[in-house]
N, C-alpha and C. Protein backbone atom coordinates (compact mmCIF):
# COMPACT_ATOMS: atom_id res chain seq x y z
N MET A 1 5.37 33.40 0.06
CA MET A 1 6.01 32.08 0.50
C MET A 1 5.10 30.83 0.49
N ASP A 2 5.75 30.00 -0.06
CA ASP A 2 4.79 28.51 0.10
C ASP A 2 5.28 28.13 1.11
N ILE A 3 4.13 27.39 1.63
CA ILE A 3 4.00 26.72 3.05
C ILE A 3 4.14 24.91 2.70
N LEU A 4 4.55 24.40 3.36
CA LEU A 4 4.78 23.18 2.78
C LEU A 4 3.52 22.36 4.07
N PHE A 5 2.58 21.65 3.54
CA PHE A 5 1.91 20.87 4.86
C PHE A 5 2.03 19.33 4.79
N THR A 6 3.00 18.68 5.57
CA THR A 6 3.43 17.94 5.64
C THR A 6 4.47 17.83 6.96
N GLY A 7 3.98 16.46 7.47
CA GLY A 7 4.54 16.39 9.01
C GLY A 7 4.13 17.08 9.94
N ARG A 8 4.40 18.01 10.78
CA ARG A 8 4.19 18.32 11.73
C ARG A 8 3.52 19.97 11.22
N ASN A 9 4.07 20.62 10.20
CA ASN A 9 3.48 21.50 9.81
C ASN A 9 1.65 21.39 9.35
N TYR A 10 1.60 19.94 9.05
CA TYR A 10 0.14 19.70 8.55
C TYR A 10 -0.42 19.49 9.69
N LEU A 11 0.16 18.85 10.84
CA LEU A 11 -0.69 18.75 11.94
C LEU A 11 -1.19 20.09 12.76
N ILE A 12 -0.49 21.02 12.72
CA ILE A 12 -0.32 22.36 13.18
C ILE A 12 -1.49 22.81 12.25
N PHE A 13 -1.91 23.05 11.24
CA PHE A 13 -2.54 23.29 10.22
C PHE A 13 -3.65 22.73 10.40
N SER A 14 -3.86 21.49 10.69
CA SER A 14 -4.85 20.92 10.99
C SER A 14 -5.48 21.20 12.28
N PHE A 15 -4.55 21.38 13.15
CA PHE A 15 -5.17 22.11 14.64
C PHE A 15 -5.95 23.29 14.33
N LEU A 16 -5.06 24.40 13.90
CA LEU A 16 -5.52 25.61 13.75
C LEU A 16 -6.73 25.80 13.31
N LEU A 17 -6.99 24.90 11.84
CA LEU A 17 -8.18 24.91 11.37
C LEU A 17 -9.18 24.26 12.29
N VAL A 18 -8.95 23.29 12.93
CA VAL A 18 -9.97 22.79 13.61
C VAL A 18 -10.55 23.51 14.93
N TRP A 19 -9.65 24.32 15.65
CA TRP A 19 -9.06 25.08 16.31
C TRP A 19 -10.60 26.36 16.17
N THR A 20 -10.30 26.94 15.13
CA THR A 20 -10.96 28.22 14.72
C THR A 20 -12.54 27.56 14.37
N GLN A 21 -12.93 26.58 14.47
CA GLN A 21 -13.77 26.18 14.21
C GLN A 21 -15.19 25.77 15.51
N GLY A 22 -14.07 26.08 16.44
CA GLY A 22 -14.93 25.83 17.75
C GLY A 22 -14.34 24.20 18.40
N SER A 23 -13.78 23.23 17.72
CA SER A 23 -13.28 22.71 18.41
C SER A 23 -12.31 21.79 18.94
N GLU A 24 -11.67 20.74 19.80
CA GLU A 24 -10.74 20.39 19.95
C GLU A 24 -10.02 19.29 19.42
N ILE A 25 -8.78 19.29 19.03
CA ILE A 25 -8.00 17.81 18.56
C ILE A 25 -7.47 17.24 19.80
N SER A 26 -8.12 16.33 20.21
CA SER A 26 -7.75 15.69 21.62
C SER A 26 -6.08 15.33 21.76
N ARG A 27 -5.68 15.16 22.88
CA ARG A 27 -3.98 14.56 22.81
C ARG A 27 -3.76 13.28 21.90
N VAL A 28 -5.17 12.48 22.16
CA VAL A 28 -5.02 11.10 21.62
C VAL A 28 -4.53 11.25 20.07
N ASN A 29 -5.55 11.67 19.69
CA ASN A 29 -5.65 12.35 18.47
C ASN A 29 -4.21 12.81 17.67
N LEU A 30 -3.99 13.37 18.62
CA LEU A 30 -2.51 14.24 17.93
C LEU A 30 -1.37 12.95 18.54
N GLU A 31 -1.57 12.27 19.36
CA GLU A 31 -0.72 10.97 19.23
C GLU A 31 -0.98 9.95 17.86
N CYS A 32 -2.45 9.76 18.13
CA CYS A 32 -2.09 8.77 16.93
C CYS A 32 -1.55 9.74 15.53
N PHE A 33 -1.53 10.81 15.31
CA PHE A 33 -0.68 11.18 13.97
C PHE A 33 0.55 11.57 14.48
N ASP A 34 1.18 11.65 15.53
CA ASP A 34 2.48 11.23 15.59
C ASP A 34 3.33 9.88 15.37
N SER A 35 2.57 9.31 15.89
CA SER A 35 2.74 7.52 15.89
C SER A 35 2.48 6.99 13.98
N TYR A 36 1.84 7.55 13.39
CA TYR A 36 1.35 7.51 12.19
C TYR A 36 2.49 8.21 11.45
N THR A 37 3.15 9.33 11.57
CA THR A 37 4.10 10.08 11.19
C THR A 37 5.39 9.08 11.03
N LYS A 38 5.66 8.77 12.22
CA LYS A 38 6.89 8.13 12.42
C LYS A 38 7.05 6.90 11.90
N GLU A 39 5.84 6.15 11.97
CA GLU A 39 5.65 4.87 11.21
C GLU A 39 6.23 4.92 10.03
N GLN A 40 5.64 6.02 9.18
CA GLN A 40 5.39 5.99 7.90
C GLN A 40 6.80 6.54 7.63
N HIS A 41 7.05 7.57 8.20
CA HIS A 41 8.82 7.83 7.93
C HIS A 41 9.57 6.62 8.17
N SER A 42 9.44 5.74 8.79
CA SER A 42 10.73 4.54 9.16
C SER A 42 10.07 3.36 7.70
N ASN A 43 8.61 3.41 7.18
CA ASN A 43 8.60 2.54 6.13
C ASN A 43 9.19 3.22 5.02
N ALA A 44 9.01 4.66 4.96
CA ALA A 44 10.11 5.59 3.97
C ALA A 44 11.47 5.13 3.74
N LEU A 45 12.10 5.13 4.66
CA LEU A 45 13.72 4.86 4.97
C LEU A 45 13.95 3.21 4.86
N THR A 46 12.98 2.39 5.06
CA THR A 46 13.08 0.91 4.72
C THR A 46 12.91 0.66 3.62
N TYR A 47 11.92 1.47 2.73
CA TYR A 47 11.59 1.27 1.37
C TYR A 47 13.16 1.82 0.53
N LYS A 48 13.17 3.03 1.24
CA LYS A 48 14.55 3.68 0.46
C LYS A 48 16.10 2.63 0.26
N ASN A 49 16.18 1.82 1.33
CA ASN A 49 16.94 0.94 1.62
C ASN A 49 16.90 -0.18 0.95
N SER A 50 15.46 -0.67 0.93
CA SER A 50 15.66 -2.25 0.05
C SER A 50 15.61 -1.49 -1.30
N HIS A 51 15.59 -0.77 -1.86
CA HIS A 51 15.24 -0.32 -3.50
C HIS A 51 17.15 -0.17 -3.62
N LEU A 52 17.68 0.35 -2.91
CA LEU A 52 19.04 0.86 -2.94
C LEU A 52 19.68 -0.42 -3.25
N ALA A 53 19.53 -1.32 -2.20
CA ALA A 53 20.01 -2.70 -2.14
C ALA A 53 20.17 -3.44 -3.36
N CYS A 54 19.00 -3.53 -4.25
CA CYS A 54 18.73 -3.86 -5.77
C CYS A 54 19.61 -3.78 -6.30
N GLY A 55 20.14 -2.44 -6.34
CA GLY A 55 21.12 -2.48 -7.27
C GLY A 55 22.59 -2.62 -6.73
N GLY A 56 22.55 -2.76 -5.83
CA GLY A 56 24.18 -2.81 -4.78
C GLY A 56 24.66 -4.12 -5.12
N ALA A 57 25.79 -4.54 -4.06
CA ALA A 57 26.43 -5.60 -3.80
C ALA A 57 25.30 -7.07 -4.05
N GLU A 58 24.54 -7.13 -3.18
CA GLU A 58 23.87 -7.89 -3.07
C GLU A 58 22.82 -8.57 -4.64
N ALA A 59 22.59 -7.44 -5.40
CA ALA A 59 22.43 -7.57 -6.67
C ALA A 59 23.61 -8.43 -7.52
N ALA A 60 24.85 -7.83 -7.47
CA ALA A 60 25.47 -8.55 -8.19
C ALA A 60 25.98 -10.11 -7.63
N LEU A 61 25.33 -10.15 -6.57
CA LEU A 61 25.39 -11.97 -6.14
C LEU A 61 24.34 -12.93 -6.46
N ARG A 62 23.24 -12.29 -6.12
CA ARG A 62 22.30 -12.61 -7.08
C ARG A 62 22.12 -13.23 -8.22
N SER A 63 22.95 -12.24 -9.06
CA SER A 63 22.72 -12.39 -10.57
C SER A 63 24.15 -13.70 -10.79
N ARG A 64 24.63 -13.99 -10.35
CA ARG A 64 25.72 -15.20 -10.01
C ARG A 64 25.05 -16.26 -9.96
N ILE A 65 24.04 -16.24 -9.08
CA ILE A 65 23.46 -17.67 -8.87
C ILE A 65 22.43 -17.80 -9.97
N LYS A 66 22.49 -18.84 -10.19
CA LYS A 66 21.73 -19.62 -11.31
C LYS A 66 20.03 -19.34 -11.11
N ARG A 67 19.54 -18.76 -12.05
CA ARG A 67 18.19 -18.49 -11.84
C ARG A 67 17.34 -19.92 -12.62
N LEU A 68 16.26 -19.93 -11.64
CA LEU A 68 15.27 -21.08 -11.80
C LEU A 68 14.16 -20.88 -12.74
N ARG A 69 14.28 -20.96 -14.28
CA ARG A 69 12.94 -20.40 -14.88
C ARG A 69 11.86 -20.49 -14.36
N MET A 70 11.05 -19.78 -14.52
CA MET A 70 9.66 -19.83 -13.90
C MET A 70 8.91 -20.36 -14.73
N ASP A 71 8.23 -21.38 -14.30
CA ASP A 71 7.25 -21.95 -15.68
C ASP A 71 5.43 -21.36 -15.31
N ILE A 72 5.27 -20.37 -16.08
CA ILE A 72 4.16 -19.81 -15.95
C ILE A 72 2.99 -20.30 -16.79
N ASP A 73 1.85 -20.56 -15.93
CA ASP A 73 0.63 -20.94 -17.07
C ASP A 73 -0.04 -19.65 -16.63
N VAL A 74 -0.10 -19.10 -18.16
CA VAL A 74 -0.32 -17.42 -18.53
C VAL A 74 -1.83 -17.38 -18.09
N GLU A 75 -2.47 -18.75 -19.19
CA GLU A 75 -4.33 -18.42 -19.13
C GLU A 75 -4.42 -18.72 -17.46
N PHE A 76 -4.16 -19.40 -16.90
CA PHE A 76 -4.25 -19.73 -15.22
C PHE A 76 -4.14 -18.06 -14.70
N GLU A 77 -2.79 -17.93 -14.69
CA GLU A 77 -2.63 -16.54 -13.81
C GLU A 77 -3.93 -15.46 -14.13
N LYS A 78 -4.05 -15.30 -15.64
CA LYS A 78 -4.98 -14.33 -16.13
C LYS A 78 -6.52 -14.42 -15.19
N LEU A 79 -6.88 -15.97 -15.33
CA LEU A 79 -8.05 -16.38 -14.42
C LEU A 79 -8.11 -15.95 -12.87
N ILE A 80 -6.98 -15.98 -12.65
CA ILE A 80 -6.89 -15.68 -10.80
C ILE A 80 -6.96 -14.47 -10.71
N LEU A 81 -6.78 -13.49 -11.75
CA LEU A 81 -6.59 -11.94 -11.49
C LEU A 81 -7.94 -11.59 -11.84
N ALA A 82 -8.63 -12.20 -13.08
CA ALA A 82 -10.01 -12.14 -12.97
C ALA A 82 -11.07 -12.26 -12.15
N LYS A 83 -10.60 -13.42 -11.57
CA LYS A 83 -11.49 -13.98 -10.43
C LYS A 83 -11.39 -12.66 -9.24
N ALA A 84 -10.35 -12.41 -8.88
CA ALA A 84 -9.87 -11.45 -7.44
C ALA A 84 -10.75 -10.32 -8.03
N ALA A 85 -10.59 -9.46 -9.35
CA ALA A 85 -11.54 -8.49 -9.64
C ALA A 85 -12.50 -9.01 -9.40
N GLU A 86 -12.97 -9.73 -9.98
CA GLU A 86 -14.81 -9.85 -9.96
C GLU A 86 -15.35 -10.34 -8.71
N ASP A 87 -14.39 -10.66 -7.80
CA ASP A 87 -14.63 -10.91 -6.36
C ASP A 87 -14.80 -9.40 -5.59
N MET A 88 -13.88 -8.84 -5.88
CA MET A 88 -13.96 -7.23 -5.63
C MET A 88 -14.73 -6.42 -5.84
N CYS A 89 -15.46 -6.50 -7.02
CA CYS A 89 -16.90 -5.89 -7.46
C CYS A 89 -17.72 -6.23 -7.14
N ASP A 90 -18.35 -7.74 -7.10
CA ASP A 90 -18.89 -8.23 -5.94
C ASP A 90 -19.29 -7.72 -4.67
N ASN A 91 -18.06 -7.90 -4.03
CA ASN A 91 -17.91 -7.06 -2.73
C ASN A 91 -18.40 -5.81 -2.60
N MET A 92 -18.29 -4.99 -2.92
CA MET A 92 -18.65 -3.61 -3.15
C MET A 92 -19.83 -3.68 -3.63
N ARG A 93 -20.23 -4.20 -4.35
CA ARG A 93 -21.95 -4.12 -5.38
C ARG A 93 -22.77 -4.82 -4.11
N SER A 94 -22.44 -5.47 -3.77
CA SER A 94 -23.45 -6.04 -2.09
C SER A 94 -23.85 -4.72 -0.87
N CYS A 95 -22.86 -4.24 -1.26
CA CYS A 95 -23.43 -2.43 -0.50
C CYS A 95 -24.30 -2.06 -0.86
N ASN A 96 -24.96 -1.88 -2.32
CA ASN A 96 -25.75 -1.75 -2.87
C ASN A 96 -27.29 -1.89 -2.31
N ASP A 97 -27.32 -3.11 -1.78
CA ASP A 97 -28.54 -3.76 -0.93
C ASP A 97 -28.95 -3.12 0.15
N ILE A 98 -27.92 -2.38 0.62
CA ILE A 98 -28.06 -2.04 2.11
C ILE A 98 -28.77 -0.45 1.96
N PRO A 99 -30.39 -0.78 2.41
CA PRO A 99 -31.22 0.42 2.34
C PRO A 99 -30.72 1.59 3.58
N ASP A 100 -29.85 1.30 4.36
CA ASP A 100 -29.72 2.29 5.74
C ASP A 100 -28.43 3.11 5.02
N SER A 101 -28.61 4.43 5.28
CA SER A 101 -27.47 4.91 4.90
C SER A 101 -26.42 4.77 5.60
N GLN A 102 -26.39 5.04 6.81
CA GLN A 102 -25.25 4.72 7.66
C GLN A 102 -24.33 3.40 7.06
N GLY A 103 -25.11 2.12 7.25
CA GLY A 103 -24.95 0.76 7.01
C GLY A 103 -24.60 0.63 5.57
N PHE A 104 -24.93 1.49 4.38
CA PHE A 104 -24.26 1.50 3.31
C PHE A 104 -23.08 2.21 2.93
N LEU A 105 -23.09 3.03 3.57
CA LEU A 105 -21.75 3.99 3.52
C LEU A 105 -20.51 2.83 4.40
N GLN A 106 -20.64 2.64 5.59
CA GLN A 106 -20.21 2.06 6.61
C GLN A 106 -19.52 0.62 5.43
N CYS A 107 -20.04 -0.32 4.70
CA CYS A 107 -20.06 -0.93 4.01
C CYS A 107 -19.02 -0.63 2.84
N TYR A 108 -19.35 0.59 2.07
CA TYR A 108 -18.42 1.12 1.26
C TYR A 108 -17.02 1.39 2.11
N SER A 109 -17.14 1.52 2.84
CA SER A 109 -16.04 2.50 3.51
C SER A 109 -14.99 1.16 4.22
N THR A 110 -15.45 -0.08 4.15
CA THR A 110 -14.83 -1.47 4.53
C THR A 110 -14.68 -2.07 3.32
N THR A 111 -15.83 -2.02 2.53
CA THR A 111 -14.90 -3.36 1.59
C THR A 111 -13.99 -2.34 0.59
N THR A 112 -14.22 -0.83 0.47
CA THR A 112 -13.02 -0.27 -0.48
C THR A 112 -11.47 -0.44 0.01
N LEU A 113 -11.19 -0.39 1.48
CA LEU A 113 -10.19 -0.66 2.17
C LEU A 113 -9.50 -1.81 1.99
N GLN A 114 -10.73 -2.99 1.69
CA GLN A 114 -10.21 -4.30 1.75
C GLN A 114 -9.38 -4.73 0.08
N ALA A 115 -10.61 -3.83 -0.67
CA ALA A 115 -10.13 -4.17 -1.89
C ALA A 115 -8.50 -3.15 -2.39
N ALA A 116 -8.42 -1.72 -1.68
CA ALA A 116 -6.88 -1.78 -2.16
C ALA A 116 -5.96 -2.37 -1.73
N LYS A 117 -6.42 -3.12 -0.79
CA LYS A 117 -5.47 -4.22 -0.40
C LYS A 117 -5.43 -5.30 -1.94
N THR A 118 -6.74 -5.56 -2.00
CA THR A 118 -6.54 -6.84 -3.05
C THR A 118 -5.89 -6.42 -4.43
N SER A 119 -6.14 -4.96 -4.71
CA SER A 119 -5.58 -4.44 -5.81
C SER A 119 -4.18 -4.16 -6.05
N VAL A 120 -3.99 -3.96 -4.84
CA VAL A 120 -2.20 -3.85 -4.48
C VAL A 120 -1.71 -5.27 -4.73
N THR A 121 -2.14 -6.03 -4.40
CA THR A 121 -1.80 -7.84 -4.66
C THR A 121 -2.07 -8.25 -5.95
N MET A 122 -2.97 -7.77 -6.45
CA MET A 122 -3.17 -8.32 -8.28
C MET A 122 -2.07 -7.25 -8.82
N HIS A 123 -1.81 -5.99 -8.42
CA HIS A 123 -0.72 -5.00 -9.33
C HIS A 123 0.31 -5.86 -9.23
N PHE A 124 1.01 -6.33 -8.12
CA PHE A 124 2.08 -6.68 -8.03
C PHE A 124 2.55 -8.36 -8.39
N ASN A 125 1.51 -8.68 -8.27
CA ASN A 125 1.55 -10.21 -8.87
C ASN A 125 1.74 -10.29 -10.47
N ALA A 126 0.54 -9.19 -10.95
CA ALA A 126 0.81 -9.49 -12.02
C ALA A 126 1.87 -8.23 -12.78
N SER A 127 2.82 -7.96 -12.22
CA SER A 127 4.37 -6.71 -12.57
C SER A 127 5.21 -8.35 -12.35
N SER A 128 5.30 -8.80 -11.66
CA SER A 128 5.96 -9.91 -11.59
C SER A 128 6.02 -10.95 -12.36
N LEU A 129 4.48 -11.39 -12.68
CA LEU A 129 4.68 -12.10 -14.33
C LEU A 129 4.92 -11.19 -15.41
N VAL A 130 4.69 -10.23 -15.54
CA VAL A 130 5.30 -9.34 -16.76
C VAL A 130 6.96 -9.61 -16.72
N VAL A 131 7.53 -9.06 -15.62
CA VAL A 131 8.84 -9.16 -15.33
C VAL A 131 9.71 -10.78 -15.96
N GLU A 132 8.64 -11.66 -15.53
CA GLU A 132 9.42 -13.07 -15.64
C GLU A 132 9.16 -13.14 -17.30
N LEU A 133 8.09 -13.03 -18.03
CA LEU A 133 7.77 -12.81 -19.33
C LEU A 133 8.46 -11.88 -20.58
N SER A 134 9.19 -10.78 -19.56
CA SER A 134 10.10 -9.97 -20.44
C SER A 134 11.11 -10.80 -21.12
N GLU A 135 12.05 -10.37 -22.39
CA GLU A 135 12.67 -10.55 -22.67
C GLU A 135 14.07 -10.25 -22.50
N ASN A 136 14.42 -9.74 -21.15
CA ASN A 136 15.13 -9.24 -20.32
C ASN A 136 16.15 -10.47 -19.94
N GLU A 137 17.28 -9.96 -19.47
CA GLU A 137 18.46 -10.90 -19.37
C GLU A 137 18.12 -11.35 -17.72
N ASP A 138 18.59 -12.20 -17.15
CA ASP A 138 18.19 -12.58 -15.78
C ASP A 138 18.62 -11.72 -14.88
N TYR A 139 19.50 -11.05 -15.24
CA TYR A 139 20.36 -10.29 -14.08
C TYR A 139 19.30 -9.30 -13.79
N GLN A 140 19.11 -8.83 -15.23
CA GLN A 140 18.07 -7.70 -15.15
C GLN A 140 16.47 -8.11 -14.39
N LYS A 141 16.03 -9.13 -14.60
CA LYS A 141 15.06 -9.74 -13.99
C LYS A 141 15.15 -9.48 -12.36
N ASP A 142 16.41 -10.16 -12.24
CA ASP A 142 16.28 -10.03 -10.76
C ASP A 142 16.32 -8.94 -10.08
N THR A 143 17.15 -7.56 -10.57
CA THR A 143 17.35 -6.19 -9.93
C THR A 143 15.68 -5.95 -10.06
N MET A 144 14.60 -6.25 -11.28
CA MET A 144 12.73 -5.59 -11.47
C MET A 144 12.50 -6.63 -10.33
N HIS A 145 12.62 -7.66 -10.21
CA HIS A 145 12.11 -8.70 -9.08
C HIS A 145 12.41 -7.74 -7.47
N CYS A 146 13.50 -7.82 -7.25
CA CYS A 146 13.51 -6.89 -6.55
C CYS A 146 13.56 -5.84 -5.76
N THR A 147 13.59 -5.04 -7.05
CA THR A 147 12.48 -3.37 -6.35
C THR A 147 11.18 -3.96 -6.51
N LEU A 148 10.62 -4.52 -7.32
CA LEU A 148 8.84 -4.92 -7.49
C LEU A 148 8.95 -4.81 -5.11
N GLN A 149 9.73 -6.25 -5.08
CA GLN A 149 9.38 -6.87 -3.49
C GLN A 149 9.43 -5.70 -2.79
N ALA A 150 10.41 -4.66 -3.05
CA ALA A 150 10.69 -3.68 -2.10
C ALA A 150 9.34 -2.70 -1.95
N LYS A 151 9.07 -2.12 -3.77
CA LYS A 151 7.82 -1.50 -3.38
C LYS A 151 6.63 -2.62 -2.61
N LYS A 152 6.46 -3.28 -3.13
CA LYS A 152 5.14 -4.40 -2.50
C LYS A 152 5.16 -4.46 -1.19
N LYS A 153 6.47 -4.38 -0.55
CA LYS A 153 6.79 -4.22 1.21
C LYS A 153 6.16 -3.01 1.65
N TYR A 154 6.71 -1.85 0.88
CA TYR A 154 6.14 -0.75 0.96
C TYR A 154 4.93 -0.30 1.01
N VAL A 155 4.00 -0.73 -0.14
CA VAL A 155 2.65 -0.15 0.10
C VAL A 155 1.96 -1.04 1.33
N GLU A 156 2.15 -2.35 1.59
CA GLU A 156 1.63 -3.28 2.08
C GLU A 156 1.89 -2.85 3.38
N ASP A 157 3.26 -2.27 3.98
CA ASP A 157 3.32 -1.70 5.13
C ASP A 157 2.30 -0.26 5.20
N TRP A 158 2.09 0.41 4.17
CA TRP A 158 1.61 1.86 4.16
C TRP A 158 0.20 1.31 4.62
N LEU A 159 -0.10 0.67 3.89
CA LEU A 159 -1.93 0.36 4.10
C LEU A 159 -2.23 -0.23 5.72
N ASP A 160 -1.00 -1.25 6.06
CA ASP A 160 -1.53 -1.82 7.46
C ASP A 160 -0.85 -0.50 8.52
N THR A 161 -0.46 0.47 8.17
CA THR A 161 0.30 1.58 8.98
C THR A 161 -1.03 2.73 9.11
N TYR A 162 -1.55 2.69 7.60
CA TYR A 162 -3.09 3.82 7.59
C TYR A 162 -4.39 3.34 8.31
N GLN A 163 -4.12 1.57 8.11
CA GLN A 163 -5.59 1.13 8.98
C GLN A 163 -5.20 1.16 10.71
N ARG A 164 -3.85 0.86 11.07
CA ARG A 164 -3.74 1.32 12.42
C ARG A 164 -3.90 2.56 13.15
N HIS A 165 -3.78 3.88 12.04
CA HIS A 165 -4.11 4.84 12.18
C HIS A 165 -5.47 5.14 12.38
N LEU A 166 -6.07 4.58 11.35
CA LEU A 166 -7.72 4.53 11.16
C LEU A 166 -8.16 4.38 12.59
N GLN A 167 -7.85 3.08 13.13
CA GLN A 167 -8.36 2.62 14.39
C GLN A 167 -7.67 3.28 15.34
N CYS A 168 -6.78 3.60 15.45
CA CYS A 168 -6.47 5.03 16.43
C CYS A 168 -7.34 6.00 16.72
N LEU A 169 -7.52 6.83 15.55
CA LEU A 169 -8.35 7.83 15.60
C LEU A 169 -9.66 7.42 16.06
N SER A 170 -10.69 6.06 15.78
CA SER A 170 -11.98 5.81 15.84
C SER A 170 -11.86 5.58 17.30
N SER A 171 -10.87 5.07 17.99
CA SER A 171 -10.79 4.40 19.42
C SER A 171 -10.87 5.99 20.39
N THR A 172 -10.47 7.34 20.10
CA THR A 172 -10.25 8.52 20.97
C THR A 172 -11.92 9.01 21.07
């Protein structure tokens, strides 16, 4: 029999694992996980509805509206992405100069979470430009941009919720 470790099952498993090791999970920790689970479920539902709306009546209405062709300076956009990647790597590399192990690890913990947010932004900006530069029809581009926006909001909300969850756990 397969056991799915999602949602409450995961919490029960985690609790039993920690309990068998002679520790307790505090009520506040459980509240953090309950809040996190509810928020992520809400984020997933919002993403689903937003994604589905991209192919529905709203998409048909959008395709009837004349699109303004984006003027894209590809070389400038490439420079911006390269600069963001360089800055992100420099921030992480700066952690290597910290001799104290705890400070070193804390630096990586902080900078990599920020790098995840930067990477997500870079991904969606580049993806949007790829869509715009494609040979697809305008109505197809509208749908692709719409689904990209839905994905972007979901991932950004997920990261924000995860960060709040970490803060909740660290305050216990």
